[in-house]
Amino acid sequence: MAFSAALVLWMAWIFPAVLCFSDGTLGRQNAVQEGQDTQKKWPSLTLASLNTDFAFILYKKLALKNPHKNIVFSPFVIATALASLSLGAKGKTLEEILELLMFNVRETPEADIHQCFEHLLQRLSQPGDQVQISTGNALFVEKPLKILAEFKEKARALYQTEVFTADFQQPCQATKLINDYVSNQTQGKIKELISDLEERTSMVMVDAILFTGKWKVPFDPDDTFMGKFILDSKRSVKVSMMKIENLRTPYFRDEELKCTVVELNYKSNVKAMFILPDQGRMQQVEASLQPETLRKWRKSLRPRMIDELHLPKFSLSQHYNLEDILPELGIRELFSTQADLSGITGAKNIIVSQIVHSAVLNMTEQGTEADATMMFEYDFLSAKIKPTIVSVEVKFLYIVLVPSSEFILFMGKVINPLEN
């Protein structure tokens, strides 16, 4: 049986009061060659700007506000939702959104930013047998209000966002409509994203990514055993530990930060990095999270034979009210009466009241047959290295990324594998 990871993330944006949209246009590339060059260089910019910086800034804030909880979120989903929303933003509201995503609005044309996201979404949507990444974006608008055609067209073309009407004067019906859509898009993994709608709600936006991957070197469930996971100096819990032997995989021991980094490959170009701080060193590693640290780890990883790798099975489910977090990171006007989202319906009187980001991550043995031909054997050079056993039995970080474009698909922390 193969080991698989399934990730489902949904972002709900709830807008009360009157909706708005702008009739301004974004620029377009002036030449075909410029567009082709942009496609080559923008993924790198995405990593350097929005992906690593934005991901680590947001992670640190989530960790600070949830010091004793597991963390799971998708920087890409949140960034995509913010960028999509920026299509209808103007003035300082627009600047605050793009600046948090690490784009310099004075140096980077808006058209290039949106083209970057469009390019990444198209790449992610490419079907694959072993790794599936699909996105589902939808905008639900109060029936009397009309979305400007330009916004609707750009939202669909750039962000694959569909637009629906909903009768928010009938909150039960509107809630069911949204939850049914979410449940359908996530294959039933999230059934009730919205429990109730605030009064005067006029628009709801949901944004999702569904990720399912199979490991290149699968775990055999017959080898899973009950092991110990240390919570702190006084407490530990019994957990199901997956085990794999004689695994040759990228490995790095960071003596400066006192942590071990192990990289596992999916049957595609997607990789998962597990950062395992020594006991008592988690805060030091978290504080060091920045693009330079990730680049150092990536450059320092070298294939190494691991005699045994022990990884706990876990299932995480978290949701975050980002309206309590984003203002502390610089997006303030969006949640105030000064917000200018007149690029959505033409009106200006709109305030964002609630943003909910929900994530589900499962790492367990799932029902595909293990491919024995993918297992690695010892070679003579590796056999000379001192036997290595990597046992993930204290809290750890994980990052899933696509090396070809170097953006972080999702990341988080496991403090207790038994808790959601």
Protein backbone atom coordinates (compact mmCIF):
# COMPACT_ATOMS: atom_id res chain seq x y z
CA MET A 1 0.00 0.00 0.00
CA ALA A 2 1.30 3.47 -0.82
CA PHE A 3 1.52 6.38 1.55
CA SER A 4 -0.48 9.35 0.43
CA ALA A 5 -1.14 12.86 1.61
CA ALA A 6 -4.42 14.64 1.01
CA LEU A 7 -4.80 18.37 1.52
CA VAL A 8 -8.02 20.32 1.30
CA LEU A 9 -8.04 24.05 1.96
CA TRP A 10 -10.91 26.49 1.72
CA MET A 11 -10.93 30.23 2.12
CA ALA A 12 -14.22 31.97 2.81
CA TRP A 13 -14.43 35.72 2.36
CA ILE A 14 -17.63 37.28 3.70
CA PHE A 15 -18.45 40.83 2.63
CA PRO A 16 -21.31 42.70 4.34
CA ALA A 17 -22.87 45.96 3.14
CA VAL A 18 -22.83 47.11 -0.48
CA LEU A 19 -20.60 45.49 -3.07
CA CYS A 20 -18.26 47.32 -5.33
CA PHE A 21 -16.23 46.99 -8.52
CA SER A 22 -14.01 49.26 -10.59
CA ASP A 23 -14.18 49.81 -14.30
CA GLY A 24 -10.44 50.41 -14.57
CA THR A 25 -8.37 48.08 -16.68
CA LEU A 26 -5.15 46.30 -16.03
CA GLY A 27 -2.36 46.46 -18.54
CA ARG A 28 -1.54 43.73 -21.03
CA GLN A 29 1.79 42.49 -22.36
CA ASN A 30 2.87 44.51 -25.37
CA ALA A 31 4.51 41.69 -27.28
CA VAL A 32 4.38 37.93 -27.55
CA GLN A 33 8.06 37.62 -26.71
CA GLU A 34 7.59 39.70 -23.56
CA GLY A 35 4.82 37.37 -22.48
CA GLN A 36 7.01 34.33 -23.10
CA ASP A 37 9.89 35.85 -21.15
CA THR A 38 7.53 36.75 -18.33
CA GLN A 39 6.36 33.15 -18.09
CA LYS A 40 9.94 32.04 -17.57
CA LYS A 41 10.94 34.58 -14.92
CA TRP A 42 7.76 35.15 -12.91
CA PRO A 43 7.66 31.80 -11.09
CA SER A 44 11.05 32.68 -9.60
CA LEU A 45 9.72 36.06 -8.55
CA THR A 46 6.74 34.33 -6.99
CA LEU A 47 9.05 32.26 -4.81
CA ALA A 48 11.28 35.15 -3.82
CA SER A 49 8.45 37.56 -3.07
CA LEU A 50 5.07 36.16 -2.18
CA ASN A 51 5.92 32.56 -1.53
CA THR A 52 8.74 32.29 0.97
CA ASP A 53 8.47 35.74 2.55
CA PHE A 54 4.69 35.71 2.72
CA ALA A 55 4.52 32.06 3.81
CA PHE A 56 6.99 32.48 6.66
CA ILE A 57 5.53 35.79 7.84
CA LEU A 58 2.08 34.24 7.98
CA TYR A 59 3.37 31.04 9.60
CA LYS A 60 5.08 32.97 12.40
CA LYS A 61 1.89 34.90 13.12
CA LEU A 62 -0.19 31.71 13.18
CA ALA A 63 2.34 30.01 15.44
CA LEU A 64 2.33 33.00 17.81
CA LYS A 65 -1.45 32.99 18.05
CA ASN A 66 -1.69 29.18 18.31
CA PRO A 67 1.35 28.21 20.42
CA HIS A 68 -0.01 24.84 21.55
CA LYS A 69 -1.84 23.72 18.41
CA ASN A 70 -0.97 21.91 15.22
CA ILE A 71 -0.76 24.21 12.20
CA VAL A 72 -1.77 23.52 8.62
CA PHE A 73 -2.37 26.14 5.94
CA SER A 74 -1.66 26.92 2.30
CA PRO A 75 0.26 30.12 1.60
CA PHE A 76 -0.56 29.65 -2.07
CA VAL A 77 -4.33 29.47 -1.49
CA ILE A 78 -4.33 32.53 0.76
CA ALA A 79 -2.13 34.49 -1.65
CA THR A 80 -4.30 33.49 -4.59
CA ALA A 81 -7.46 34.62 -2.79
CA LEU A 82 -5.88 37.96 -1.88
CA ALA A 83 -4.59 38.50 -5.42
CA SER A 84 -8.00 37.62 -6.85
CA LEU A 85 -9.62 40.12 -4.49
CA SER A 86 -7.12 42.77 -5.59
CA LEU A 87 -8.71 42.70 -9.06
CA GLY A 88 -11.50 44.78 -7.55
CA ALA A 89 -9.41 46.88 -5.17
CA LYS A 90 -8.13 50.41 -5.65
CA GLY A 91 -5.91 52.94 -3.96
CA LYS A 92 -4.45 52.12 -0.56
CA THR A 93 -6.62 49.01 -0.28
CA LEU A 94 -4.92 47.59 -3.36
CA GLU A 95 -1.45 48.65 -2.22
CA GLU A 96 -1.82 46.98 1.18
CA ILE A 97 -2.89 43.69 -0.39
CA LEU A 98 -0.06 43.56 -2.92
CA GLU A 99 2.57 44.77 -0.45
CA LEU A 100 1.73 41.93 1.95
CA LEU A 101 2.25 39.57 -0.98
CA MET A 102 5.69 41.21 -1.31
CA PHE A 103 5.00 42.86 -4.66
CA ASN A 104 6.26 46.41 -5.13
CA VAL A 105 3.29 48.12 -6.75
CA ARG A 106 5.51 50.91 -8.05
CA GLU A 107 7.88 48.53 -9.83
CA THR A 108 5.63 45.61 -10.76
CA PRO A 109 2.72 46.15 -13.18
CA GLU A 110 -0.55 44.68 -11.92
CA ALA A 111 -0.96 42.80 -15.19
CA ASP A 112 2.32 40.96 -14.57
CA ILE A 113 1.22 39.96 -11.07
CA HIS A 114 -2.06 38.51 -12.28
CA GLN A 115 -0.33 36.81 -15.21
CA CYS A 116 2.04 35.18 -12.75
CA PHE A 117 -0.85 33.68 -10.77
CA GLU A 118 -2.58 32.64 -13.98
CA HIS A 119 0.55 30.84 -15.12
CA LEU A 120 0.97 29.01 -11.80
CA LEU A 121 -2.69 27.97 -11.65
CA GLN A 122 -2.48 26.59 -15.17
CA ARG A 123 0.61 24.57 -14.30
CA LEU A 124 -1.03 23.21 -11.17
CA SER A 125 -4.12 22.20 -13.11
CA GLN A 126 -2.19 19.88 -15.41
CA PRO A 127 -3.56 16.37 -14.77
CA GLY A 128 -1.26 13.68 -13.41
CA ASP A 129 -1.67 10.06 -12.44
CA GLN A 130 0.32 10.20 -9.20
CA VAL A 131 -0.20 13.74 -7.91
CA GLN A 132 -3.41 15.65 -8.36
CA ILE A 133 -3.68 19.36 -7.64
CA SER A 134 -6.99 21.01 -8.39
CA THR A 135 -8.39 24.38 -7.45
CA GLY A 136 -11.97 25.56 -7.11
CA ASN A 137 -12.80 29.23 -6.78
CA ALA A 138 -16.30 30.67 -6.53
CA LEU A 139 -17.90 34.03 -5.86
CA PHE A 140 -21.45 34.19 -4.48
CA VAL A 141 -23.17 37.56 -4.96
CA GLU A 142 -26.47 38.90 -3.61
CA LYS A 143 -29.09 38.67 -6.36
CA PRO A 144 -29.95 42.40 -6.63
CA LEU A 145 -26.28 43.28 -7.12
CA LYS A 146 -24.56 42.89 -10.46
CA ILE A 147 -20.92 42.01 -10.95
CA LEU A 148 -19.29 44.12 -13.63
CA ALA A 149 -18.58 42.05 -16.72
CA GLU A 150 -14.91 43.04 -16.80
CA PHE A 151 -14.31 41.76 -13.26
CA LYS A 152 -16.24 38.57 -13.95
CA GLU A 153 -14.24 37.88 -17.11
CA LYS A 154 -10.86 38.58 -15.48
CA ALA A 155 -11.69 36.53 -12.39
CA ARG A 156 -12.53 33.54 -14.58
CA ALA A 157 -9.62 33.95 -16.99
CA LEU A 158 -6.89 34.69 -14.45
CA TYR A 159 -8.02 32.83 -11.33
CA GLN A 160 -10.49 30.24 -12.64
CA THR A 161 -13.13 31.83 -10.41
CA GLU A 162 -16.79 31.09 -11.08
CA VAL A 163 -19.50 33.58 -10.14
CA PHE A 164 -22.93 32.61 -8.77
CA THR A 165 -25.90 34.52 -7.42
CA ALA A 166 -27.32 33.81 -3.96
CA ASP A 167 -30.28 35.13 -2.03
CA PHE A 168 -28.68 36.24 1.23
CA GLN A 169 -32.08 37.45 2.44
CA GLN A 170 -32.75 33.73 2.81
CA PRO A 171 -29.65 32.88 4.90
CA CYS A 172 -30.45 29.18 5.31
CA GLN A 173 -30.78 28.69 1.58
CA ALA A 174 -27.66 30.72 0.85
CA THR A 175 -25.66 28.81 3.46
CA LYS A 176 -26.77 25.49 1.96
CA LEU A 177 -25.89 26.67 -1.56
CA ILE A 178 -22.35 27.60 -0.52
CA ASN A 179 -21.77 24.50 1.61
CA ASP A 180 -23.09 22.20 -1.12
CA TYR A 181 -20.66 23.77 -3.59
CA VAL A 182 -17.76 23.39 -1.14
CA SER A 183 -18.66 19.78 -0.37
CA ASN A 184 -18.85 18.95 -4.08
CA GLN A 185 -15.52 20.60 -4.88
CA THR A 186 -13.72 18.89 -1.98
CA GLN A 187 -15.26 15.46 -2.61
CA GLY A 188 -17.18 15.69 0.64
CA LYS A 189 -14.13 16.36 2.83
CA ILE A 190 -15.49 19.72 3.97
CA LYS A 191 -19.26 19.72 4.34
CA GLU A 192 -20.04 22.81 6.40
CA LEU A 193 -17.63 25.64 5.74
CA ILE A 194 -20.24 28.27 6.58
CA SER A 195 -22.41 27.78 9.67
CA ASP A 196 -24.24 31.09 9.53
CA LEU A 197 -24.11 34.33 7.59
CA GLU A 198 -23.89 37.77 9.15
CA GLU A 199 -26.66 40.27 8.63
CA ARG A 200 -26.28 42.47 5.55
CA THR A 201 -24.01 39.93 3.86
CA SER A 202 -23.87 40.68 0.14
CA MET A 203 -20.99 38.58 -1.17
CA VAL A 204 -19.11 35.42 -0.20
CA MET A 205 -15.95 34.18 -1.87
CA VAL A 206 -14.55 30.68 -1.42
CA ASP A 207 -11.15 29.56 -2.64
CA ALA A 208 -9.78 26.02 -2.47
CA ILE A 209 -6.99 23.67 -3.40
CA LEU A 210 -7.21 19.89 -3.25
CA PHE A 211 -3.88 18.05 -3.19
CA THR A 212 -3.40 14.29 -3.28
CA GLY A 213 0.03 12.74 -3.66
CA LYS A 214 1.64 9.31 -3.62
CA TRP A 215 5.18 8.88 -2.36
CA LYS A 216 7.85 7.80 -4.81
CA VAL A 217 9.07 5.34 -2.18
CA PRO A 218 5.91 4.13 -0.41
CA PHE A 219 5.49 3.03 3.19
CA ASP A 220 4.29 -0.52 3.83
CA PRO A 221 1.41 -0.49 6.35
CA ASP A 222 2.54 -3.91 7.56
CA ASP A 223 5.62 -2.20 8.99
CA THR A 224 3.64 0.41 10.93
CA PHE A 225 4.13 0.08 14.68
CA MET A 226 3.06 1.81 17.89
CA GLY A 227 5.74 4.30 18.88
CA LYS A 228 6.27 7.18 21.29
CA PHE A 229 5.85 10.85 20.38
CA ILE A 230 7.23 13.30 22.94
CA LEU A 231 5.01 16.30 23.68
CA ASP A 232 7.23 17.96 26.27
CA SER A 233 9.68 17.08 29.04
CA LYS A 234 6.94 15.39 31.06
CA ARG A 235 4.43 14.05 28.56
CA SER A 236 4.40 11.65 25.61
CA VAL A 237 1.71 9.81 23.63
CA LYS A 238 1.52 6.52 21.77
CA VAL A 239 1.10 6.97 18.03
CA SER A 240 1.10 4.84 14.89
CA MET A 241 4.56 5.14 13.37
CA MET A 242 5.12 4.34 9.72
CA LYS A 243 8.50 2.83 8.95
CA ILE A 244 10.60 2.45 5.86
CA GLU A 245 14.04 0.86 5.62
CA ASN A 246 17.03 1.38 3.35
CA LEU A 247 15.77 4.66 1.96
CA ARG A 248 18.12 6.83 -0.07
CA THR A 249 16.76 10.35 0.08
CA PRO A 250 17.98 13.98 0.39
CA TYR A 251 19.18 14.70 3.94
CA PHE A 252 20.87 17.58 5.77
CA ARG A 253 21.98 18.05 9.35
CA ASP A 254 21.93 21.76 10.23
CA GLU A 255 24.35 22.03 13.16
CA GLU A 256 23.85 25.79 13.43
CA LEU A 257 20.09 25.55 14.02
CA LYS A 258 20.27 22.09 15.61
CA CYS A 259 17.77 20.45 13.30
CA THR A 260 17.59 17.69 10.70
CA VAL A 261 16.02 18.18 7.29
CA VAL A 262 14.71 15.21 5.31
CA GLU A 263 13.11 15.50 1.88
CA LEU A 264 10.68 12.96 0.46
CA ASN A 265 9.61 12.89 -3.17
CA TYR A 266 6.15 12.35 -4.52
CA LYS A 267 5.71 10.52 -7.82
CA SER A 268 5.96 13.88 -9.59
CA ASN A 269 7.98 17.05 -9.23
CA VAL A 270 6.39 17.83 -5.84
CA LYS A 271 8.55 17.43 -2.74
CA ALA A 272 7.90 17.41 1.00
CA MET A 273 10.50 18.72 3.43
CA PHE A 274 10.35 17.63 7.06
CA ILE A 275 12.28 19.89 9.44
CA LEU A 276 13.02 18.08 12.70
CA PRO A 277 14.37 20.39 15.43
CA ASP A 278 16.26 18.82 18.33
CA GLN A 279 14.17 18.71 21.47
CA GLY A 280 13.76 22.22 22.86
CA ARG A 281 14.94 23.90 19.64
CA MET A 282 11.60 24.52 17.88
CA GLN A 283 11.42 28.24 18.73
CA GLN A 284 14.96 28.79 17.46
CA VAL A 285 14.14 27.11 14.14
CA GLU A 286 10.84 28.98 13.79
CA ALA A 287 12.55 32.31 14.40
CA SER A 288 15.07 31.51 11.65
CA LEU A 289 12.41 30.85 8.99
CA GLN A 290 13.19 33.15 6.10
CA PRO A 291 13.93 32.72 2.38
CA GLU A 292 17.68 32.49 3.03
CA THR A 293 17.15 29.59 5.44
CA LEU A 294 15.05 27.67 2.95
CA ARG A 295 17.62 28.26 0.22
CA LYS A 296 20.39 27.01 2.51
CA TRP A 297 18.48 23.83 3.29
CA ARG A 298 17.64 23.21 -0.35
CA LYS A 299 21.25 23.71 -1.46
CA SER A 300 22.66 21.61 1.39
CA LEU A 301 20.44 18.56 0.93
CA ARG A 302 22.42 15.54 -0.29
CA PRO A 303 21.25 12.00 -1.04
CA ARG A 304 21.96 9.79 1.94
CA MET A 305 21.08 6.26 2.89
CA ILE A 306 18.72 6.21 5.87
CA ASP A 307 18.58 2.78 7.46
CA GLU A 308 15.21 3.49 9.04
CA LEU A 309 12.81 6.40 8.78
CA HIS A 310 9.94 6.58 11.30
CA LEU A 311 7.14 9.05 10.56
CA PRO A 312 3.91 9.33 12.59
CA LYS A 313 0.56 9.02 10.92
CA PHE A 314 -1.53 12.13 11.50
CA SER A 315 -4.66 13.95 10.44
CA LEU A 316 -4.87 17.72 10.85
CA SER A 317 -7.87 20.00 10.52
CA GLN A 318 -7.67 23.69 11.37
CA HIS A 319 -9.44 26.90 10.51
CA TYR A 320 -8.28 30.46 11.04
CA ASN A 321 -10.14 33.77 11.17
CA LEU A 322 -7.75 35.80 9.09
CA GLU A 323 -9.53 39.08 9.77
CA ASP A 324 -7.83 38.86 13.17
CA ILE A 325 -4.40 38.24 11.60
CA LEU A 326 -4.10 40.16 8.32
CA PRO A 327 -4.48 43.65 9.88
CA GLU A 328 -1.45 42.89 12.06
CA LEU A 329 0.46 42.08 8.86
CA GLY A 330 -0.45 45.32 7.10
CA ILE A 331 -3.85 44.76 5.47
CA ARG A 332 -5.90 47.22 7.54
CA GLU A 333 -8.00 49.28 5.16
CA LEU A 334 -9.74 46.19 3.76
CA PHE A 335 -11.53 45.73 7.09
CA SER A 336 -12.41 49.39 7.63
CA THR A 337 -14.90 51.88 6.25
CA GLN A 338 -12.04 53.26 4.13
CA ALA A 339 -11.92 50.11 2.01
CA ASP A 340 -12.12 50.70 -1.74
CA LEU A 341 -13.30 47.59 -3.55
CA SER A 342 -15.14 49.54 -6.20
CA GLY A 343 -13.76 47.29 -8.89
CA ILE A 344 -16.38 44.62 -8.17
CA THR A 345 -19.81 46.18 -8.66
CA GLY A 346 -19.03 49.88 -9.11
CA ALA A 347 -20.06 50.84 -5.57
CA LYS A 348 -17.63 51.80 -2.82
CA ASN A 349 -19.48 51.04 0.40
CA ILE A 350 -18.14 47.59 1.16
CA ILE A 351 -16.37 46.29 4.26
CA VAL A 352 -14.84 42.84 4.59
CA SER A 353 -16.08 41.42 7.88
CA GLN A 354 -14.81 37.85 7.92
CA ILE A 355 -12.18 35.69 6.25
CA VAL A 356 -12.06 32.01 7.22
CA HIS A 357 -9.25 29.75 6.07
CA SER A 358 -9.88 26.04 6.63
CA ALA A 359 -7.39 23.27 6.01
CA VAL A 360 -7.42 19.49 6.24
CA LEU A 361 -4.27 17.40 5.93
CA ASN A 362 -4.11 13.61 6.19
CA MET A 363 -0.92 11.54 6.12
CA THR A 364 -1.79 7.86 6.32
CA GLU A 365 -1.48 4.69 4.28
CA GLN A 366 -4.09 4.81 1.54
CA GLY A 367 -5.37 2.35 -0.98
CA THR A 368 -2.86 2.20 -3.81
CA GLU A 369 -0.50 -0.70 -4.37
CA ALA A 370 3.14 -0.13 -3.54
CA ASP A 371 5.45 -0.09 -6.55
CA ALA A 372 8.36 -2.30 -5.56
CA THR A 373 10.38 -1.13 -8.55
CA MET A 374 10.61 2.31 -6.96
CA MET A 375 12.42 1.05 -3.85
CA PHE A 376 16.11 1.96 -3.63
CA GLU A 377 18.83 -0.52 -2.77
CA TYR A 378 22.08 -0.01 -0.87
CA ASP A 379 25.08 0.91 -2.95
CA PHE A 380 28.68 0.32 -1.91
CA LEU A 381 29.44 3.95 -1.07
CA SER A 382 26.36 4.33 1.07
CA ALA A 383 27.14 1.14 2.94
CA LYS A 384 30.29 2.75 4.30
CA ILE A 385 28.35 5.53 5.99
CA LYS A 386 27.50 5.13 9.63
CA PRO A 387 23.96 3.67 9.93
CA THR A 388 21.35 6.42 10.20
CA ILE A 389 17.98 6.17 11.90
CA VAL A 390 15.65 9.15 11.61
CA SER A 391 12.74 8.87 14.02
CA VAL A 392 10.24 11.72 13.99
CA GLU A 393 9.19 11.58 17.63
CA VAL A 394 9.12 15.26 18.64
CA LYS A 395 7.23 18.23 17.18
CA PHE A 396 8.31 19.09 13.65
CA LEU A 397 7.69 21.39 10.69
CA TYR A 398 6.78 20.39 7.15
CA ILE A 399 6.84 22.22 3.82
CA VAL A 400 5.42 20.93 0.54
CA LEU A 401 6.76 22.73 -2.51
CA VAL A 402 7.08 22.47 -6.26
CA PRO A 403 10.82 22.79 -6.99
CA SER A 404 10.32 23.71 -10.66
CA SER A 405 8.71 26.99 -9.63
CA GLU A 406 9.96 27.00 -6.01
CA PHE A 407 6.67 28.06 -4.46
CA ILE A 408 5.34 26.65 -1.20
CA LEU A 409 2.12 24.76 -1.72
CA PHE A 410 1.44 24.29 1.99
CA MET A 411 3.24 24.15 5.32
CA GLY A 412 2.66 23.77 9.03
CA LYS A 413 3.69 22.19 12.30
CA VAL A 414 2.79 18.97 14.11
CA ILE A 415 2.86 19.25 17.90
CA ASN A 416 0.64 16.26 18.64
CA PRO A 417 -0.20 13.74 15.88
CA LEU A 418 -3.28 12.60 17.82
CA GLU A 419 -4.96 16.00 17.79
CA ASN A 420 -6.68 17.68 14.88
